[in-house]
Every structure is written in structure tokens, then in C-alpha cells.
Amino acid sequence: MTLKVKYADFRQITRRRTSQQIIRSQAELQTMAISLLDPVFPVEKGIRLLGVTISSRLKWSRKKFR
């Protein structure tokens, strides 16, 4: 999961966290997102853009499906 924050003064930060397990629920996604957001707040200046991206790098073996 990647968090990108763009501040009103045009600074930006990116924070990333990788889960070692498959995320199976919305609650798990929310917990991970909040853990990335917590250190960002409180902010002195406003935030103009906040984005959370979820990506996967799972490699599937065709042998498992034969």
C-alpha cells in the first residue's frame, strides 16, 4: 500500500508499507491505511491531495492450477 500526500505549500511525501500476508478484508485495508496516515497528522498547513494505492506483486505458478 502506498500513501501520497500533497500539501498546500506543494511539498509532497510518499509512504509505503508491504504486507507479508494476503489482505482479506476491508478492515485490514483500513488498518494499514490508518497506520500510514497517523504519522502525517496533525498538519500545520492544509493538504491539497491525499491518495492511497493498493498494489499486488503476487506471482502465480501455473503448476498449482493444472
PDB file of N, CA and C in Angstrom:
ATOM      1  N   MET A   1       0.851  -1.155   0.000  1.00  0.00           N
ATOM      2  CA  MET A   1       0.000   0.000   0.000  1.00  0.00           C
ATOM      3  C   MET A   1       0.904   1.228   0.000  1.00  0.00           C
ATOM      4  N   THR A   2       0.510   2.217  -0.776  1.00  0.00           N
ATOM      5  CA  THR A   2       1.272   3.452  -0.868  1.00  0.00           C
ATOM      6  C   THR A   2       0.370   4.629  -0.524  1.00  0.00           C
ATOM      7  N   LEU A   3       0.879   5.529   0.293  1.00  0.00           N
ATOM      8  CA  LEU A   3       0.183   6.758   0.648  1.00  0.00           C
ATOM      9  C   LEU A   3       0.952   7.923   0.049  1.00  0.00           C
ATOM     10  N   LYS A   4       0.259   8.797  -0.663  1.00  0.00           N
ATOM     11  CA  LYS A   4       0.881  10.012  -1.191  1.00  0.00           C
ATOM     12  C   LYS A   4       0.096  11.198  -0.648  1.00  0.00           C
ATOM     13  N   VAL A   5       0.825  12.156  -0.077  1.00  0.00           N
ATOM     14  CA  VAL A   5       0.215  13.363   0.473  1.00  0.00           C
ATOM     15  C   VAL A   5       0.861  14.566  -0.198  1.00  0.00           C
ATOM     16  N   LYS A   6       0.017  15.431  -0.755  1.00  0.00           N
ATOM     17  CA  LYS A   6       0.492  16.695  -1.330  1.00  0.00           C
ATOM     18  C   LYS A   6      -0.081  17.819  -0.469  1.00  0.00           C
ATOM     19  N   TYR A   7       0.826  18.626   0.068  1.00  0.00           N
ATOM     20  CA  TYR A   7       0.439  19.693   0.977  1.00  0.00           C
ATOM     21  C   TYR A   7       0.115  20.983   0.226  1.00  0.00           C
ATOM     22  N   ALA A   8      -0.537  21.910   0.926  1.00  0.00           N
ATOM     23  CA  ALA A   8      -0.916  23.196   0.340  1.00  0.00           C
ATOM     24  C   ALA A   8       0.297  23.992  -0.135  1.00  0.00           C
ATOM     25  N   ASP A   9       1.453  23.794   0.522  1.00  0.00           N
ATOM     26  CA  ASP A   9       2.662  24.522   0.119  1.00  0.00           C
ATOM     27  C   ASP A   9       3.428  23.785  -0.987  1.00  0.00           C
ATOM     28  N   PHE A  10       2.798  22.765  -1.590  1.00  0.00           N
ATOM     29  CA  PHE A  10       3.314  21.984  -2.717  1.00  0.00           C
ATOM     30  C   PHE A  10       4.422  20.991  -2.348  1.00  0.00           C
ATOM     31  N   ARG A  11       4.696  20.824  -1.057  1.00  0.00           N
ATOM     32  CA  ARG A  11       5.562  19.709  -0.654  1.00  0.00           C
ATOM     33  C   ARG A  11       4.756  18.437  -0.850  1.00  0.00           C
ATOM     34  N   GLN A  12       5.459  17.334  -1.009  1.00  0.00           N
ATOM     35  CA  GLN A  12       4.760  16.053  -1.070  1.00  0.00           C
ATOM     36  C   GLN A  12       5.609  14.972  -0.426  1.00  0.00           C
ATOM     37  N   ILE A  13       4.913  13.993   0.151  1.00  0.00           N
ATOM     38  CA  ILE A  13       5.580  12.836   0.743  1.00  0.00           C
ATOM     39  C   ILE A  13       4.908  11.572   0.224  1.00  0.00           C
ATOM     40  N   THR A  14       5.655  10.494   0.233  1.00  0.00           N
ATOM     41  CA  THR A  14       5.136   9.176  -0.130  1.00  0.00           C
ATOM     42  C   THR A  14       5.590   8.200   0.939  1.00  0.00           C
ATOM     43  N   ARG A  15       4.677   7.391   1.416  1.00  0.00           N
ATOM     44  CA  ARG A  15       4.982   6.354   2.398  1.00  0.00           C
ATOM     45  C   ARG A  15       4.444   5.036   1.871  1.00  0.00           C
ATOM     46  N   ARG A  16       5.198   3.966   2.095  1.00  0.00           N
ATOM     47  CA  ARG A  16       4.809   2.662   1.553  1.00  0.00           C
ATOM     48  C   ARG A  16       4.953   1.600   2.637  1.00  0.00           C
ATOM     49  N   ARG A  17       4.017   0.669   2.634  1.00  0.00           N
ATOM     50  CA  ARG A  17       4.083  -0.461   3.552  1.00  0.00           C
ATOM     51  C   ARG A  17       3.671  -1.712   2.795  1.00  0.00           C
ATOM     52  N   THR A  18       4.404  -2.798   3.028  1.00  0.00           N
ATOM     53  CA  THR A  18       4.128  -4.074   2.375  1.00  0.00           C
ATOM     54  C   THR A  18       3.648  -5.070   3.417  1.00  0.00           C
ATOM     55  N   SER A  19       2.592  -5.776   3.102  1.00  0.00           N
ATOM     56  CA  SER A  19       2.073  -6.817   3.981  1.00  0.00           C
ATOM     57  C   SER A  19       2.695  -8.151   3.589  1.00  0.00           C
ATOM     58  N   GLN A  20       3.071  -8.916   4.567  1.00  0.00           N
ATOM     59  CA  GLN A  20       3.639 -10.234   4.307  1.00  0.00           C
ATOM     60  C   GLN A  20       2.548 -11.286   4.106  1.00  0.00           C
ATOM     61  N   GLN A  21       1.304 -10.896   4.392  1.00  0.00           N
ATOM     62  CA  GLN A  21       0.182 -11.822   4.246  1.00  0.00           C
ATOM     63  C   GLN A  21      -0.835 -11.225   3.274  1.00  0.00           C
ATOM     64  N   ILE A  22      -1.672 -12.072   2.746  1.00  0.00           N
ATOM     65  CA  ILE A  22      -2.750 -11.615   1.874  1.00  0.00           C
ATOM     66  C   ILE A  22      -3.758 -10.848   2.721  1.00  0.00           C
ATOM     67  N   ILE A  23      -4.162  -9.692   2.239  1.00  0.00           N
ATOM     68  CA  ILE A  23      -5.171  -8.891   2.934  1.00  0.00           C
ATOM     69  C   ILE A  23      -6.529  -9.378   2.470  1.00  0.00           C
ATOM     70  N   ARG A  24      -7.349  -9.781   3.424  1.00  0.00           N
ATOM     71  CA  ARG A  24      -8.604 -10.452   3.083  1.00  0.00           C
ATOM     72  C   ARG A  24      -9.865  -9.644   3.386  1.00  0.00           C
ATOM     73  N   SER A  25      -9.714  -8.468   4.006  1.00  0.00           N
ATOM     74  CA  SER A  25     -10.926  -7.727   4.363  1.00  0.00           C
ATOM     75  C   SER A  25     -10.707  -6.221   4.264  1.00  0.00           C
ATOM     76  N   GLN A  26     -11.815  -5.520   4.188  1.00  0.00           N
ATOM     77  CA  GLN A  26     -11.769  -4.062   4.154  1.00  0.00           C
ATOM     78  C   GLN A  26     -11.188  -3.532   5.459  1.00  0.00           C
ATOM     79  N   ALA A  27     -11.499  -4.186   6.573  1.00  0.00           N
ATOM     80  CA  ALA A  27     -10.977  -3.752   7.872  1.00  0.00           C
ATOM     81  C   ALA A  27      -9.450  -3.807   7.901  1.00  0.00           C
ATOM     82  N   GLU A  28      -8.865  -4.835   7.300  1.00  0.00           N
ATOM     83  CA  GLU A  28      -7.403  -4.933   7.236  1.00  0.00           C
ATOM     84  C   GLU A  28      -6.817  -3.811   6.388  1.00  0.00           C
ATOM     85  N   LEU A  29      -7.484  -3.495   5.273  1.00  0.00           N
ATOM     86  CA  LEU A  29      -7.039  -2.388   4.425  1.00  0.00           C
ATOM     87  C   LEU A  29      -7.102  -1.066   5.184  1.00  0.00           C
ATOM     88  N   GLN A  30      -8.190  -0.855   5.906  1.00  0.00           N
ATOM     89  CA  GLN A  30      -8.345   0.383   6.662  1.00  0.00           C
ATOM     90  C   GLN A  30      -7.276   0.506   7.743  1.00  0.00           C
ATOM     91  N   THR A  31      -6.993  -0.584   8.436  1.00  0.00           N
ATOM     92  CA  THR A  31      -5.970  -0.570   9.479  1.00  0.00           C
ATOM     93  C   THR A  31      -4.614  -0.206   8.902  1.00  0.00           C
ATOM     94  N   MET A  32      -4.281  -0.782   7.760  1.00  0.00           N
ATOM     95  CA  MET A  32      -2.997  -0.488   7.130  1.00  0.00           C
ATOM     96  C   MET A  32      -2.942   0.974   6.676  1.00  0.00           C
ATOM     97  N   ALA A  33      -4.019   1.464   6.080  1.00  0.00           N
ATOM     98  CA  ALA A  33      -4.055   2.857   5.616  1.00  0.00           C
ATOM     99  C   ALA A  33      -3.934   3.828   6.788  1.00  0.00           C
ATOM    100  N   ILE A  34      -4.633   3.551   7.862  1.00  0.00           N
ATOM    101  CA  ILE A  34      -4.571   4.423   9.040  1.00  0.00           C
ATOM    102  C   ILE A  34      -3.174   4.425   9.642  1.00  0.00           C
ATOM    103  N   SER A  35      -2.509   3.274   9.629  1.00  0.00           N
ATOM    104  CA  SER A  35      -1.146   3.222  10.176  1.00  0.00           C
ATOM    105  C   SER A  35      -0.181   4.071   9.344  1.00  0.00           C
ATOM    106  N   LEU A  36      -0.456   4.222   8.058  1.00  0.00           N
ATOM    107  CA  LEU A  36       0.353   5.106   7.216  1.00  0.00           C
ATOM    108  C   LEU A  36      -0.028   6.579   7.414  1.00  0.00           C
ATOM    109  N   LEU A  37      -1.299   6.829   7.690  1.00  0.00           N
ATOM    110  CA  LEU A  37      -1.786   8.200   7.854  1.00  0.00           C
ATOM    111  C   LEU A  37      -1.453   8.809   9.215  1.00  0.00           C
ATOM    112  N   ASP A  38      -1.443   8.011  10.265  1.00  0.00           N
ATOM    113  CA  ASP A  38      -1.248   8.529  11.626  1.00  0.00           C
ATOM    114  C   ASP A  38      -0.047   9.461  11.773  1.00  0.00           C
ATOM    115  N   PRO A  39       1.138   9.106  11.268  1.00  0.00           N
ATOM    116  CA  PRO A  39       2.290   9.999  11.448  1.00  0.00           C
ATOM    117  C   PRO A  39       2.178  11.329  10.688  1.00  0.00           C
ATOM    118  N   VAL A  40       1.276  11.416   9.726  1.00  0.00           N
ATOM    119  CA  VAL A  40       1.117  12.623   8.912  1.00  0.00           C
ATOM    120  C   VAL A  40       0.367  13.713   9.688  1.00  0.00           C
ATOM    121  N   PHE A  41      -0.513  13.310  10.598  1.00  0.00           N
ATOM    122  CA  PHE A  41      -1.365  14.259  11.320  1.00  0.00           C
ATOM    123  C   PHE A  41      -0.847  14.515  12.716  1.00  0.00           C
ATOM    124  N   PRO A  42      -1.085  15.690  13.290  1.00  0.00           N
ATOM    125  CA  PRO A  42      -1.765  16.846  12.709  1.00  0.00           C
ATOM    126  C   PRO A  42      -0.850  17.585  11.744  1.00  0.00           C
ATOM    127  N   VAL A  43      -1.440  18.292  10.816  1.00  0.00           N
ATOM    128  CA  VAL A  43      -0.666  19.065   9.838  1.00  0.00           C
ATOM    129  C   VAL A  43      -0.794  20.552  10.162  1.00  0.00           C
ATOM    130  N   GLU A  44       0.295  21.284   9.928  1.00  0.00           N
ATOM    131  CA  GLU A  44       0.269  22.726  10.176  1.00  0.00           C
ATOM    132  C   GLU A  44      -0.396  23.458   9.016  1.00  0.00           C
ATOM    133  N   LYS A  45      -0.141  22.993   7.808  1.00  0.00           N
ATOM    134  CA  LYS A  45      -0.758  23.585   6.620  1.00  0.00           C
ATOM    135  C   LYS A  45      -1.705  22.554   6.022  1.00  0.00           C
ATOM    136  N   GLY A  46      -2.591  23.001   5.177  1.00  0.00           N
ATOM    137  CA  GLY A  46      -3.586  22.109   4.612  1.00  0.00           C
ATOM    138  C   GLY A  46      -3.010  21.068   3.663  1.00  0.00           C
ATOM    139  N   ILE A  47      -3.808  20.058   3.421  1.00  0.00           N
ATOM    140  CA  ILE A  47      -3.486  19.012   2.453  1.00  0.00           C
ATOM    141  C   ILE A  47      -4.346  19.263   1.226  1.00  0.00           C
ATOM    142  N   ARG A  48      -3.724  19.303   0.055  1.00  0.00           N
ATOM    143  CA  ARG A  48      -4.495  19.541  -1.168  1.00  0.00           C
ATOM    144  C   ARG A  48      -4.820  18.256  -1.906  1.00  0.00           C
ATOM    145  N   LEU A  49      -4.067  17.178  -1.624  1.00  0.00           N
ATOM    146  CA  LEU A  49      -4.339  15.892  -2.263  1.00  0.00           C
ATOM    147  C   LEU A  49      -3.821  14.776  -1.372  1.00  0.00           C
ATOM    148  N   LEU A  50      -4.644  13.752  -1.216  1.00  0.00           N
ATOM    149  CA  LEU A  50      -4.249  12.584  -0.439  1.00  0.00           C
ATOM    150  C   LEU A  50      -4.677  11.360  -1.226  1.00  0.00           C
ATOM    151  N   GLY A  51      -3.751  10.447  -1.471  1.00  0.00           N
ATOM    152  CA  GLY A  51      -4.079   9.260  -2.252  1.00  0.00           C
ATOM    153  C   GLY A  51      -3.537   7.994  -1.622  1.00  0.00           C
ATOM    154  N   VAL A  52      -4.300   6.943  -1.717  1.00  0.00           N
ATOM    155  CA  VAL A  52      -3.882   5.625  -1.244  1.00  0.00           C
ATOM    156  C   VAL A  52      -3.976   4.668  -2.426  1.00  0.00           C
ATOM    157  N   THR A  53      -2.887   3.956  -2.691  1.00  0.00           N
ATOM    158  CA  THR A  53      -2.839   2.997  -3.791  1.00  0.00           C
ATOM    159  C   THR A  53      -2.595   1.611  -3.231  1.00  0.00           C
ATOM    160  N   ILE A  54      -3.330   0.651  -3.746  1.00  0.00           N
ATOM    161  CA  ILE A  54      -3.149  -0.747  -3.356  1.00  0.00           C
ATOM    162  C   ILE A  54      -2.630  -1.492  -4.573  1.00  0.00           C
ATOM    163  N   SER A  55      -1.561  -2.229  -4.376  1.00  0.00           N
ATOM    164  CA  SER A  55      -0.997  -2.987  -5.493  1.00  0.00           C
ATOM    165  C   SER A  55      -0.600  -4.367  -5.004  1.00  0.00           C
ATOM    166  N   SER A  56      -0.376  -5.255  -5.943  1.00  0.00           N
ATOM    167  CA  SER A  56      -0.030  -6.632  -5.599  1.00  0.00           C
ATOM    168  C   SER A  56       1.098  -7.105  -6.490  1.00  0.00           C
ATOM    169  N   ARG A  57       1.957  -7.892  -5.915  1.00  0.00           N
ATOM    170  CA  ARG A  57       3.048  -8.480  -6.687  1.00  0.00           C
ATOM    171  C   ARG A  57       3.047 -10.001  -6.542  1.00  0.00           C
ATOM    172  N   LEU A  58       1.888 -10.541  -6.371  1.00  0.00           N
ATOM    173  CA  LEU A  58       1.806 -11.992  -6.238  1.00  0.00           C
ATOM    174  C   LEU A  58       2.210 -12.663  -7.539  1.00  0.00           C
ATOM    175  N   LYS A  59       3.024 -13.672  -7.422  1.00  0.00           N
ATOM    176  CA  LYS A  59       3.418 -14.453  -8.595  1.00  0.00           C
ATOM    177  C   LYS A  59       2.727 -15.804  -8.496  1.00  0.00           C
ATOM    178  N   TRP A  60       1.976 -16.122  -9.509  1.00  0.00           N
ATOM    179  CA  TRP A  60       1.240 -17.372  -9.520  1.00  0.00           C
ATOM    180  C   TRP A  60       2.010 -18.406 -10.323  1.00  0.00           C
ATOM    181  N   SER A  61       2.013 -19.611  -9.819  1.00  0.00           N
ATOM    182  CA  SER A  61       2.640 -20.710 -10.532  1.00  0.00           C
ATOM    183  C   SER A  61       1.568 -21.454 -11.317  1.00  0.00           C
ATOM    184  N   ARG A  62       1.802 -21.671 -12.588  1.00  0.00           N
ATOM    185  CA  ARG A  62       0.826 -22.406 -13.397  1.00  0.00           C
ATOM    186  C   ARG A  62       0.710 -23.847 -12.933  1.00  0.00           C
ATOM    187  N   LYS A  63       1.754 -24.374 -12.339  1.00  0.00           N
ATOM    188  CA  LYS A  63       1.719 -25.755 -11.861  1.00  0.00           C
ATOM    189  C   LYS A  63       0.625 -25.951 -10.821  1.00  0.00           C
ATOM    190  N   LYS A  64       0.329 -24.916 -10.033  1.00  0.00           N
ATOM    191  CA  LYS A  64      -0.684 -25.022  -8.989  1.00  0.00           C
ATOM    192  C   LYS A  64      -2.081 -25.213  -9.570  1.00  0.00           C
ATOM    193  N   PHE A  65      -2.288 -24.781 -10.804  1.00  0.00           N
ATOM    194  CA  PHE A  65      -3.619 -24.805 -11.386  1.00  0.00           C
ATOM    195  C   PHE A  65      -3.825 -25.907 -12.412  1.00  0.00           C
ATOM    196  N   ARG A  66      -2.867 -26.767 -12.579  1.00  0.00           N
ATOM    197  CA  ARG A  66      -3.005 -27.854 -13.557  1.00  0.00           C
ATOM    198  C   ARG A  66      -3.621 -29.072 -12.954  1.00  0.00           C
TER     199      ARG A  66
END
